């Protein structure tokens, strides 16, 4: 028992373990994540649907979306953005790990008579001959990636964009990092049964890495038959560090905003959105 508890409370090296794909592959958690995506009133897996609609309208206007515009949505989930932008005329491709989310997205596209291409794959591994005018990475997905993964993804963006094409992504700021605190929780059926259909005990250890500006939510889920650990990493950025990462991959940062609906940037924002272009 002592060794088990010591492992639960061990602070790993930043981004030392990566378990994100398991969240989407698990039958139960993928079902719960889809429920969160489709709840229009919460900001968890997706933002509130009223925000998404406003965001899609701003994206369409800002990037001149029409029938010739080719858009890729990295981490598209159940297709909330892909659907909204296809309805505005764009040729849209969505990439996501979750078969459950993509099944919903595909069914919705058929119902609406929309031609949307969906690819079930980790977008870090995407290889395609297609080229895009706009790439989206929304809901601060960039923050969940290690430095090496981010560098590779930005290089991939540069390859996949048409000349003059743009990336729109968002990220958490250092203001949000300052609000995070190290905590410890242990509850039966932590997060109201999110992790399993059967009873379990869940430990949450929040570790904060001041030098790296990283936070880890480490979940240890103890079930009758086995124990598993999920590592949810988040990198927080200053405008300068995010700009440096994007420009080191060959993009040119054009605009900084507070969100992907066009709200002007504020130094007090907890999130920022970036428009970067391929020269």
Foldseek 3Di string as FASTA:
>chain_A
DVVVVCVLPDDDDAVPDADVLVCQVDPQLVVVLLVVVPPQPDPDNHHRLVVLLLLLVLVCVVLVQAQVFEEEEEQCFLPSNVVNSQVRRYAYEYEEQHPVSPVNNVVVCVVVVGDYHYHNDNVLPDDDPAAGQEYEYEPAPLFQDDLVSLLSVLLVNLVRYDAFGKYKYKAFAVLLLVPDDWDKDKDWCPPVVSPHPDIWIKIWTWDADVVQQKIWTWIWIGDPVDIDIHIGMGHHYDPVVVQVSNVVSQKHWDAKALHSSRHRDDPNRRMMMIMIGHD
